[in-house]
Amino acid sequence: MSALIEWRSRGRSAVIGLAAGLAAVALVAVMAAIATAAPSGFLHIRSNLSQTPGLVSAPPDIAVSSSGDWVAVAWTEEYDVGVGSGKGRGHVYLRAASETGGGWGDKIRVFTGDYNNCATNVSVAITGTTAHVAYVEFSDTCNNPTQMVVRHTRCSLTEGECEAPEGWGDSSENEITWVDLALDAQGNPHVVWSRYNHALEISQVYYRPSDSAGWRGLEFVESTDDSGKPAIAWADGYAHVVWEETDGGVGIRYARRPSDPGASWEDDVSIYRYSTGQPAGNPDVAAGSGQVFVVWDTCSEFDEYAKHCVGHYSLVYRRSLDRGAHWGLELDETREVGTDHKTNLVQYASSDNLAERNESLFDLQPSIALNNAGAPAVVWHADQSSGVGDPDCAIHYAYAFTTTPDAVGWITHTVLREGLPALGSAVVGLGQTEPGGDQHLHVAYVRETSDGFDVYYDSNEEHEYERIYLPLVLRAGDV
């Protein structure tokens, strides 16, 4: 005789159908069997990581260890209600979960914010059981800083403690607006950031590497006059950096640098230019197995007079098959995430009402990661309400189950999470790949509460727990 244990998604409520008159001892045995049948470590289900509904948590970053054993999420959060006009400036938090450790650990306070000093923008990466965290610190009042510093620290995922942060700052003439972090093959951190010069009214991208001897000198990455939102990946002996180019239009550029400490940046190249289509932004980069993928969103209907996107967005990517040395023909090699189409692209909406409540929810803001075989996974947010009423938010994802030199085989675009209240700014990390090419996605995003925003963890693995059959052994006379 057997009983059906049915685990339903969105909360994992258990519905147990048992024969009438089942003895209490048999019920205990069933519950023990459920615990044994569940995967070891934490269940990959939606979890509120920040749990501060009265405050604004800023968009998070996520990292997965190369072994797939650890997942870490980092974010900044208001130290008091209304700080930074709802931009989530304040503390820096980190939470981690282990596949063998039984769930999410406590929140780790990486940095303590207050009126005089607060943090914004955060990036995280993992090597072994150590998380590297980079962020921007505002000094001399949080809302009107006169000094901005790029900070980096190391945090033990097993001990829940962080080292004293390192950092380098700038004068009040320059505003640091973005930071990203990657680790090389030896686990050394490499940081990029954008710095806006108020006197010259331009933004430029900078880079600082490290090795076993510590941090090396500051380097200037790009050659254009106005650039921002850089993203970095490290693979195959190179640092790979992409950024928005806003001089004379809005495009995407790429540059790489060999790992040799004495090397310099190779000439940057245009991945996408405004003259070939519509304005582009929010680039992200991932690299591995000899490939480099760059993903971004493009505005499909742009108001040239207002300099504002008034319509929908497309989600596209390009890839290099030789570690970033060549990118093919620009028009021919720009393809749609999820289909590999070059024309007739899917159009996604981004609600102005949604973005007004949280500026981090503008556009689609894609995030990309590669698995060990070099196959990509991408997440992004979109408004499904067609501009009527409150935004109907959704986190979308697509991943590749095959990659060849000619094409990427994607699964159909899939909604991970949707509905009110607002949610978005998703980031993705990848676990171990299953036979057949299935990808296990780890996703973090912000979700609106009654009076703020919280950071959530989510996954596409819920279907694995939907239904489990377990045998029941009953004594004679129990039924």
Protein backbone atom coordinates (compact mmCIF):
# COMPACT_ATOMS: atom_id res chain seq x y z
CA MET A 1 0.00 0.00 0.00
CA SER A 2 1.28 3.50 -0.75
CA ALA A 3 0.35 7.10 -0.07
CA LEU A 4 0.79 10.13 -2.34
CA ILE A 5 2.73 13.04 -0.87
CA GLU A 6 2.07 16.05 -3.11
CA TRP A 7 4.28 19.15 -2.73
CA ARG A 8 2.72 22.15 -4.40
CA SER A 9 4.77 25.07 -5.71
CA ARG A 10 4.65 28.63 -4.29
CA GLY A 11 5.01 27.70 -0.66
CA ARG A 12 5.47 23.95 -0.73
CA SER A 13 2.26 23.30 1.23
CA ALA A 14 2.04 19.55 1.76
CA VAL A 15 -1.21 17.76 0.93
CA ILE A 16 -1.09 14.25 2.33
CA GLY A 17 -3.66 11.65 1.46
CA LEU A 18 -3.48 8.80 4.01
CA ALA A 19 -5.62 5.77 4.53
CA ALA A 20 -8.22 6.10 7.25
CA GLY A 21 -7.15 4.86 10.64
CA LEU A 22 -3.41 5.27 9.99
CA ALA A 23 -1.51 4.77 13.26
CA ALA A 24 0.45 7.72 14.71
CA VAL A 25 3.68 5.78 14.47
CA ALA A 26 3.16 5.36 10.71
CA LEU A 27 2.62 9.13 10.34
CA VAL A 28 5.94 9.78 12.07
CA ALA A 29 7.59 7.37 9.65
CA VAL A 30 6.07 9.23 6.69
CA MET A 31 7.39 12.58 7.90
CA ALA A 32 10.85 11.11 8.38
CA ALA A 33 10.71 9.71 4.86
CA ILE A 34 9.81 13.16 3.50
CA ALA A 35 12.86 14.68 5.13
CA THR A 36 15.02 11.94 3.68
CA ALA A 37 13.55 12.29 0.19
CA ALA A 38 14.14 16.05 -0.03
CA PRO A 39 17.48 17.15 -1.53
CA SER A 40 20.26 17.76 0.96
CA GLY A 41 20.93 21.35 1.97
CA PHE A 42 18.50 24.21 1.44
CA LEU A 43 15.34 23.83 -0.64
CA HIS A 44 15.49 26.15 -3.64
CA ILE A 45 12.24 27.97 -2.92
CA ARG A 46 11.30 31.63 -2.71
CA SER A 47 12.69 33.23 0.44
CA ASN A 48 12.62 36.80 1.78
CA LEU A 49 16.28 37.46 2.58
CA SER A 50 16.12 41.02 3.90
CA GLN A 51 12.83 40.86 5.87
CA THR A 52 12.64 44.61 6.51
CA PRO A 53 9.27 45.63 5.03
CA GLY A 54 9.46 49.21 6.29
CA LEU A 55 12.76 49.95 4.53
CA VAL A 56 14.03 50.02 0.95
CA SER A 57 16.46 47.28 -0.02
CA ALA A 58 18.37 48.12 -3.19
CA PRO A 59 18.84 45.69 -6.12
CA PRO A 60 20.99 42.71 -5.07
CA ASP A 61 23.85 40.78 -6.60
CA ILE A 62 24.22 36.99 -6.49
CA ALA A 63 27.17 34.60 -6.65
CA VAL A 64 27.49 30.82 -6.86
CA SER A 65 30.73 29.01 -6.04
CA SER A 66 32.43 27.14 -8.88
CA SER A 67 31.59 23.84 -7.18
CA GLY A 68 27.94 24.85 -6.85
CA ASP A 69 28.06 24.26 -3.08
CA TRP A 70 27.47 27.89 -1.99
CA VAL A 71 25.08 30.64 -2.98
CA ALA A 72 25.49 34.20 -1.65
CA VAL A 73 23.33 37.30 -2.10
CA ALA A 74 24.49 40.83 -1.23
CA TRP A 75 22.54 44.11 -1.18
CA THR A 76 22.40 47.57 0.36
CA GLU A 77 19.54 48.69 2.56
CA GLU A 78 18.33 51.95 4.10
CA TYR A 79 19.62 52.56 7.62
CA ASP A 80 16.46 54.60 8.28
CA VAL A 81 13.16 55.23 6.51
CA GLY A 82 13.42 57.61 3.56
CA VAL A 83 17.21 57.69 3.34
CA GLY A 84 18.51 58.60 -0.10
CA SER A 85 15.02 59.24 -1.49
CA GLY A 86 14.21 55.55 -1.40
CA LYS A 87 17.38 54.43 -3.20
CA GLY A 88 18.39 51.87 -0.56
CA ARG A 89 21.51 53.69 0.64
CA GLY A 90 22.77 52.57 4.01
CA HIS A 91 23.96 49.17 5.28
CA VAL A 92 25.52 46.38 3.22
CA TYR A 93 24.16 42.90 3.96
CA LEU A 94 25.19 39.41 2.88
CA ARG A 95 23.34 36.10 3.24
CA ALA A 96 24.56 32.69 2.13
CA ALA A 97 23.21 29.16 1.83
CA SER A 98 25.05 25.87 1.45
CA GLU A 99 23.85 22.83 -0.45
CA THR A 100 24.98 20.76 2.54
CA GLY A 101 24.42 23.30 5.30
CA GLY A 102 20.66 23.19 5.75
CA GLY A 103 19.40 26.61 4.65
CA TRP A 104 20.06 30.32 4.62
CA GLY A 105 22.38 31.64 7.28
CA ASP A 106 21.79 34.81 9.26
CA LYS A 107 22.22 38.24 7.68
CA ILE A 108 25.86 39.34 7.83
CA ARG A 109 26.37 43.09 8.33
CA VAL A 110 29.21 43.84 5.92
CA PHE A 111 29.03 47.61 6.42
CA THR A 112 27.08 49.75 8.88
CA GLY A 113 25.54 52.87 7.40
CA ASP A 114 24.42 56.05 9.14
CA TYR A 115 23.83 59.73 8.45
CA ASN A 116 27.51 60.45 7.84
CA ASN A 117 28.51 57.32 5.89
CA CYS A 118 26.36 55.00 3.81
CA ALA A 119 26.79 52.46 1.03
CA THR A 120 25.24 52.08 -2.40
CA ASN A 121 25.66 49.61 -5.27
CA VAL A 122 27.07 46.19 -4.42
CA SER A 123 28.72 43.23 -6.14
CA VAL A 124 29.61 39.78 -4.79
CA ALA A 125 31.72 36.80 -5.91
CA ILE A 126 32.69 33.51 -4.20
CA THR A 127 35.85 31.44 -4.03
CA GLY A 128 35.78 28.40 -1.77
CA THR A 129 33.95 29.50 1.40
CA THR A 130 34.93 33.16 1.05
CA ALA A 131 32.70 35.86 -0.39
CA HIS A 132 34.28 38.97 -1.89
CA VAL A 133 32.05 42.04 -1.64
CA ALA A 134 32.57 45.39 -3.38
CA TYR A 135 30.44 48.51 -2.84
CA VAL A 136 30.54 52.31 -2.98
CA GLU A 137 30.73 54.27 0.28
CA PHE A 138 29.36 57.83 0.50
CA SER A 139 31.02 60.03 3.13
CA ASP A 140 30.25 63.39 4.74
CA THR A 141 26.48 62.85 4.83
CA CYS A 142 24.65 60.10 3.01
CA ASN A 143 22.43 62.20 0.74
CA ASN A 144 24.99 64.88 -0.16
CA PRO A 145 28.41 63.22 -0.06
CA THR A 146 31.65 65.08 -0.67
CA GLN A 147 33.74 61.91 -0.79
CA MET A 148 33.07 58.58 -2.50
CA VAL A 149 35.13 55.44 -1.97
CA VAL A 150 35.18 52.06 -3.71
CA ARG A 151 35.36 49.42 -0.97
CA HIS A 152 36.27 45.74 -1.03
CA THR A 153 36.18 43.15 1.74
CA ARG A 154 36.30 39.39 2.27
CA CYS A 155 33.66 37.57 4.31
CA SER A 156 33.81 34.02 5.67
CA LEU A 157 30.64 32.13 4.76
CA THR A 158 31.25 29.60 7.52
CA GLU A 159 32.10 32.07 10.30
CA GLY A 160 29.76 34.88 9.24
CA GLU A 161 32.42 37.56 9.70
CA CYS A 162 34.05 40.07 7.36
CA GLU A 163 37.53 41.56 7.28
CA ALA A 164 38.19 45.27 7.62
CA PRO A 165 37.44 46.79 4.18
CA GLU A 166 40.04 48.10 1.79
CA GLY A 167 39.28 51.11 -0.37
CA TRP A 168 40.33 53.97 -2.57
CA GLY A 169 38.47 57.22 -2.97
CA ASP A 170 38.11 60.30 -5.09
CA SER A 171 37.62 64.04 -4.79
CA SER A 172 34.28 65.81 -4.57
CA GLU A 173 34.59 66.67 -8.29
CA ASN A 174 34.06 63.01 -9.15
CA GLU A 175 31.05 60.81 -8.41
CA ILE A 176 31.39 57.02 -8.39
CA THR A 177 28.15 55.69 -9.84
CA TRP A 178 28.68 51.97 -10.46
CA VAL A 179 30.87 49.07 -9.30
CA ASP A 180 31.31 45.44 -10.35
CA LEU A 181 33.58 42.61 -9.21
CA ALA A 182 35.04 39.39 -10.63
CA LEU A 183 37.58 36.80 -9.41
CA ASP A 184 40.40 35.35 -11.47
CA ALA A 185 41.45 31.69 -11.58
CA GLN A 186 43.50 32.14 -8.37
CA GLY A 187 40.61 33.80 -6.53
CA ASN A 188 42.06 37.33 -6.71
CA PRO A 189 39.49 40.14 -6.98
CA HIS A 190 39.29 42.55 -9.93
CA VAL A 191 37.06 45.61 -9.68
CA VAL A 192 35.64 48.02 -12.28
CA TRP A 193 33.65 51.17 -11.66
CA SER A 194 32.39 54.27 -13.45
CA ARG A 195 33.39 57.74 -12.29
CA TYR A 196 31.47 60.84 -13.32
CA ASN A 197 33.51 64.05 -13.53
CA HIS A 198 31.23 67.00 -12.74
CA ALA A 199 33.62 69.60 -14.16
CA LEU A 200 33.97 67.85 -17.53
CA GLU A 201 30.46 66.34 -17.44
CA ILE A 202 31.67 62.93 -18.58
CA SER A 203 31.69 59.45 -17.06
CA GLN A 204 34.61 57.05 -17.53
CA VAL A 205 35.42 53.45 -16.60
CA TYR A 206 38.27 52.45 -14.30
CA TYR A 207 39.74 49.12 -13.25
CA ARG A 208 41.91 47.86 -10.43
CA PRO A 209 43.41 44.33 -10.36
CA SER A 210 44.97 42.37 -7.52
CA ASP A 211 47.27 39.37 -7.18
CA SER A 212 48.97 37.46 -4.37
CA ALA A 213 50.95 40.60 -3.50
CA GLY A 214 47.83 42.74 -3.09
CA TRP A 215 46.15 45.50 -5.07
CA ARG A 216 47.95 46.82 -8.12
CA GLY A 217 47.70 50.26 -9.70
CA LEU A 218 44.61 51.99 -11.03
CA GLU A 219 43.97 51.55 -14.76
CA PHE A 220 41.83 53.44 -17.26
CA VAL A 221 39.71 51.02 -19.34
CA GLU A 222 37.89 52.76 -22.16
CA SER A 223 38.75 55.30 -24.82
CA THR A 224 35.37 56.97 -25.39
CA ASP A 225 34.47 60.25 -23.74
CA ASP A 226 31.35 59.26 -21.84
CA SER A 227 30.84 55.72 -20.53
CA GLY A 228 29.07 54.03 -17.62
CA LYS A 229 27.51 50.95 -16.03
CA PRO A 230 30.52 48.65 -16.51
CA ALA A 231 30.32 44.90 -15.91
CA ILE A 232 33.26 42.51 -15.58
CA ALA A 233 33.88 38.78 -15.99
CA TRP A 234 37.12 36.81 -15.72
CA ALA A 235 37.84 33.66 -17.75
CA ASP A 236 40.45 31.99 -19.94
CA GLY A 237 43.24 34.30 -18.77
CA TYR A 238 41.45 37.58 -19.50
CA ALA A 239 39.45 40.27 -17.75
CA HIS A 240 36.39 40.96 -19.92
CA VAL A 241 34.65 44.33 -19.44
CA VAL A 242 31.57 45.84 -21.11
CA TRP A 243 29.94 49.23 -20.63
CA GLU A 244 27.41 51.72 -21.99
CA GLU A 245 28.79 54.20 -24.50
CA THR A 246 26.81 57.46 -24.33
CA ASP A 247 29.04 59.75 -26.44
CA GLY A 248 27.11 60.52 -29.62
CA GLY A 249 24.42 57.93 -28.92
CA VAL A 250 23.85 54.94 -26.71
CA GLY A 251 25.78 51.79 -27.55
CA ILE A 252 27.67 48.89 -25.97
CA ARG A 253 31.46 48.50 -25.99
CA TYR A 254 33.82 45.71 -24.94
CA ALA A 255 37.49 45.47 -23.97
CA ARG A 256 39.72 42.72 -22.58
CA ARG A 257 42.99 42.59 -20.70
CA PRO A 258 45.38 39.61 -20.35
CA SER A 259 46.16 38.33 -16.87
CA ASP A 260 49.86 39.24 -17.06
CA PRO A 261 50.47 42.01 -14.46
CA GLY A 262 52.50 43.93 -17.01
CA ALA A 263 49.86 43.70 -19.74
CA SER A 264 47.64 46.54 -20.90
CA TRP A 265 44.09 46.80 -22.22
CA GLU A 266 43.60 45.82 -25.82
CA ASP A 267 41.72 48.21 -28.10
CA ASP A 268 38.05 48.37 -27.17
CA VAL A 269 35.48 47.37 -29.79
CA SER A 270 31.88 48.30 -30.50
CA ILE A 271 29.43 45.51 -29.73
CA TYR A 272 26.40 47.62 -30.66
CA ARG A 273 25.97 51.19 -31.87
CA TYR A 274 22.93 53.46 -31.81
CA SER A 275 23.35 54.10 -35.54
CA THR A 276 22.55 50.44 -36.28
CA GLY A 277 19.28 50.34 -34.34
CA GLN A 278 17.82 51.75 -31.15
CA PRO A 279 19.49 53.01 -27.96
CA ALA A 280 20.93 50.22 -25.84
CA GLY A 281 21.82 49.91 -22.17
CA ASN A 282 22.22 47.78 -19.06
CA PRO A 283 24.93 45.46 -20.43
CA ASP A 284 26.14 42.36 -18.61
CA VAL A 285 28.94 39.94 -19.50
CA ALA A 286 29.79 36.31 -18.76
CA ALA A 287 32.73 34.25 -20.02
CA GLY A 288 34.04 30.70 -19.97
CA SER A 289 34.98 27.70 -22.12
CA GLY A 290 36.57 30.03 -24.67
CA GLN A 291 33.36 32.04 -25.16
CA VAL A 292 32.29 35.54 -24.12
CA PHE A 293 28.59 36.48 -24.00
CA VAL A 294 27.34 40.08 -23.75
CA VAL A 295 23.63 40.76 -23.16
CA TRP A 296 21.74 44.08 -23.08
CA ASP A 297 18.33 45.66 -23.73
CA THR A 298 17.44 47.96 -26.64
CA CYS A 299 14.63 50.50 -26.82
CA SER A 300 12.27 49.78 -29.70
CA GLU A 301 10.51 53.16 -29.68
CA PHE A 302 12.65 56.14 -28.72
CA ASP A 303 11.52 59.77 -28.52
CA GLU A 304 14.46 61.71 -29.97
CA TYR A 305 13.11 65.03 -28.72
CA ALA A 306 12.48 63.93 -25.14
CA LYS A 307 15.46 61.53 -25.15
CA HIS A 308 13.26 58.93 -23.53
CA CYS A 309 12.09 55.46 -24.43
CA VAL A 310 8.31 55.56 -24.86
CA GLY A 311 7.70 52.07 -26.12
CA HIS A 312 8.97 48.55 -25.68
CA TYR A 313 12.34 46.87 -25.33
CA SER A 314 14.07 43.93 -26.96
CA LEU A 315 16.57 41.63 -25.28
CA VAL A 316 19.61 40.76 -27.39
CA TYR A 317 23.11 39.35 -27.08
CA ARG A 318 26.35 38.79 -28.95
CA ARG A 319 29.08 36.24 -28.33
CA SER A 320 32.70 35.69 -29.21
CA LEU A 321 33.95 32.15 -29.83
CA ASP A 322 37.64 33.00 -29.30
CA ARG A 323 37.84 34.57 -25.82
CA GLY A 324 36.78 38.01 -27.04
CA ALA A 325 39.30 38.40 -29.88
CA HIS A 326 36.62 38.58 -32.60
CA TRP A 327 32.90 39.31 -32.63
CA GLY A 328 31.80 38.78 -36.22
CA LEU A 329 29.73 41.22 -38.24
CA GLU A 330 27.83 43.55 -35.97
CA LEU A 331 24.43 43.32 -37.68
CA ASP A 332 24.60 39.60 -38.39
CA GLU A 333 25.71 38.51 -34.95
CA THR A 334 23.23 40.40 -32.74
CA ARG A 335 20.60 37.83 -31.74
CA GLU A 336 17.62 37.58 -29.46
CA VAL A 337 17.91 35.94 -26.07
CA GLY A 338 15.69 32.86 -26.01
CA THR A 339 15.26 32.38 -29.77
CA ASP A 340 18.50 33.33 -31.58
CA HIS A 341 16.35 35.36 -34.01
CA LYS A 342 17.94 38.33 -35.77
CA THR A 343 14.68 40.07 -36.74
CA ASN A 344 11.04 40.21 -35.52
CA LEU A 345 12.18 40.33 -31.92
CA VAL A 346 9.90 39.90 -28.91
CA GLN A 347 8.88 43.24 -27.40
CA TYR A 348 8.81 43.67 -23.61
CA ALA A 349 7.34 46.64 -21.78
CA SER A 350 8.86 48.56 -18.89
CA SER A 351 6.35 50.63 -16.94
CA ASP A 352 7.04 54.27 -16.11
CA ASN A 353 4.74 53.89 -13.10
CA LEU A 354 6.88 51.03 -11.88
CA ALA A 355 10.14 52.89 -12.43
CA GLU A 356 8.86 55.98 -10.64
CA ARG A 357 8.37 53.90 -7.51
CA ASN A 358 11.90 52.50 -7.79
CA GLU A 359 14.31 53.80 -10.45
CA SER A 360 16.14 50.47 -10.45
CA LEU A 361 13.14 48.97 -12.29
CA PHE A 362 13.66 50.94 -15.51
CA ASP A 363 14.16 49.03 -18.77
CA LEU A 364 14.69 45.22 -18.68
CA GLN A 365 18.07 45.11 -16.87
CA PRO A 366 19.21 41.62 -17.91
CA SER A 367 21.68 39.49 -15.96
CA ILE A 368 23.68 36.60 -17.46
CA ALA A 369 25.70 33.65 -16.15
CA LEU A 370 27.40 30.66 -17.79
CA ASN A 371 27.55 27.07 -16.60
CA ASN A 372 30.73 24.99 -16.62
CA ALA A 373 30.13 24.01 -20.26
CA GLY A 374 29.79 27.62 -21.39
CA ALA A 375 25.99 27.60 -21.85
CA PRO A 376 24.23 30.86 -20.83
CA ALA A 377 21.24 31.63 -18.64
CA VAL A 378 19.60 35.08 -18.59
CA VAL A 379 17.01 36.71 -16.31
CA TRP A 380 15.21 40.06 -16.74
CA HIS A 381 12.07 41.90 -15.62
CA ALA A 382 9.16 43.29 -17.65
CA ASP A 383 5.70 44.82 -17.27
CA GLN A 384 2.88 42.66 -18.69
CA SER A 385 0.00 45.11 -18.07
CA SER A 386 0.11 46.80 -21.53
CA GLY A 387 0.29 50.16 -19.81
CA VAL A 388 -3.17 49.84 -18.25
CA GLY A 389 -3.52 50.17 -14.49
CA ASP A 390 -0.85 49.08 -12.05
CA PRO A 391 2.18 47.29 -13.52
CA ASP A 392 1.83 43.53 -13.77
CA CYS A 393 5.42 42.64 -13.04
CA ALA A 394 7.22 39.48 -14.06
CA ILE A 395 10.70 37.99 -13.79
CA HIS A 396 11.54 36.13 -17.00
CA TYR A 397 14.31 33.67 -17.74
CA ALA A 398 15.74 31.67 -20.61
CA TYR A 399 18.69 29.33 -20.71
CA ALA A 400 20.57 27.34 -23.32
CA PHE A 401 20.50 23.56 -23.47
CA THR A 402 22.90 23.39 -26.45
CA THR A 403 25.60 25.63 -27.89
CA THR A 404 27.33 25.20 -31.25
CA PRO A 405 29.58 27.57 -33.22
CA ASP A 406 26.56 28.48 -35.36
CA ALA A 407 23.74 28.82 -32.83
CA VAL A 408 22.56 28.66 -29.24
CA GLY A 409 19.62 26.38 -28.49
CA TRP A 410 17.39 28.14 -25.95
CA ILE A 411 14.39 26.99 -23.96
CA THR A 412 11.21 29.00 -24.49
CA HIS A 413 11.00 32.29 -22.58
CA THR A 414 9.61 31.39 -19.15
CA VAL A 415 8.10 33.45 -16.33
CA LEU A 416 9.76 32.70 -13.01
CA ARG A 417 7.59 34.96 -10.83
CA GLU A 418 4.84 37.47 -11.62
CA GLY A 419 2.06 39.63 -10.22
CA LEU A 420 1.62 42.52 -7.83
CA PRO A 421 3.26 44.17 -6.01
CA ALA A 422 6.22 45.35 -8.07
CA LEU A 423 9.26 43.14 -8.48
CA GLY A 424 12.36 43.27 -10.66
CA SER A 425 16.12 43.95 -10.93
CA ALA A 426 16.80 40.22 -11.09
CA VAL A 427 20.29 38.68 -11.08
CA VAL A 428 21.20 35.07 -11.84
CA GLY A 429 23.73 32.45 -10.80
CA LEU A 430 23.97 28.84 -11.96
CA GLY A 431 24.15 25.58 -10.03
CA GLN A 432 25.14 22.19 -11.34
CA THR A 433 23.84 21.24 -14.80
CA GLU A 434 21.57 18.20 -15.00
CA PRO A 435 21.89 15.46 -17.67
CA GLY A 436 20.07 16.62 -20.79
CA GLY A 437 21.12 20.25 -20.37
CA ASP A 438 18.62 21.40 -17.70
CA GLN A 439 19.94 24.46 -15.86
CA HIS A 440 19.42 25.10 -12.15
CA LEU A 441 18.97 28.86 -11.77
CA HIS A 442 19.58 30.77 -8.55
CA VAL A 443 17.83 34.16 -8.80
CA ALA A 444 17.67 37.22 -6.54
CA TYR A 445 15.49 40.32 -7.03
CA VAL A 446 13.70 43.14 -5.21
CA ARG A 447 9.99 42.92 -4.41
CA GLU A 448 7.78 45.76 -3.24
CA THR A 449 6.23 45.61 0.23
CA SER A 450 3.53 47.82 1.70
CA ASP A 451 6.06 50.58 2.42
CA GLY A 452 9.41 49.54 0.99
CA PHE A 453 11.29 46.89 -1.00
CA ASP A 454 12.75 43.58 0.18
CA VAL A 455 15.32 41.28 -1.44
CA TYR A 456 14.10 37.79 -2.38
CA TYR A 457 15.78 34.57 -3.45
CA ASP A 458 14.03 32.35 -6.00
CA SER A 459 14.74 29.41 -8.28
CA ASN A 460 13.36 27.51 -11.28
CA GLU A 461 13.64 24.19 -9.42
CA GLU A 462 10.22 24.16 -7.75
CA HIS A 463 8.90 21.51 -10.12
CA GLU A 464 11.35 19.02 -8.62
CA TYR A 465 9.43 18.97 -5.34
CA GLU A 466 5.90 18.99 -6.74
CA ARG A 467 5.19 15.28 -6.34
CA ILE A 468 6.96 12.52 -4.43
CA TYR A 469 5.66 8.96 -3.97
CA LEU A 470 6.61 7.26 -0.74
CA PRO A 471 5.83 3.73 0.40
CA LEU A 472 3.99 3.15 3.67
CA VAL A 473 4.51 -0.01 5.67
CA LEU A 474 1.49 -0.76 7.85
CA ARG A 475 1.08 -3.35 10.58
CA ALA A 476 -1.68 -5.97 10.24
CA GLY A 477 -4.94 -4.62 11.56
CA ASP A 478 -3.98 -0.91 11.18
CA VAL A 479 -6.43 -0.45 8.31
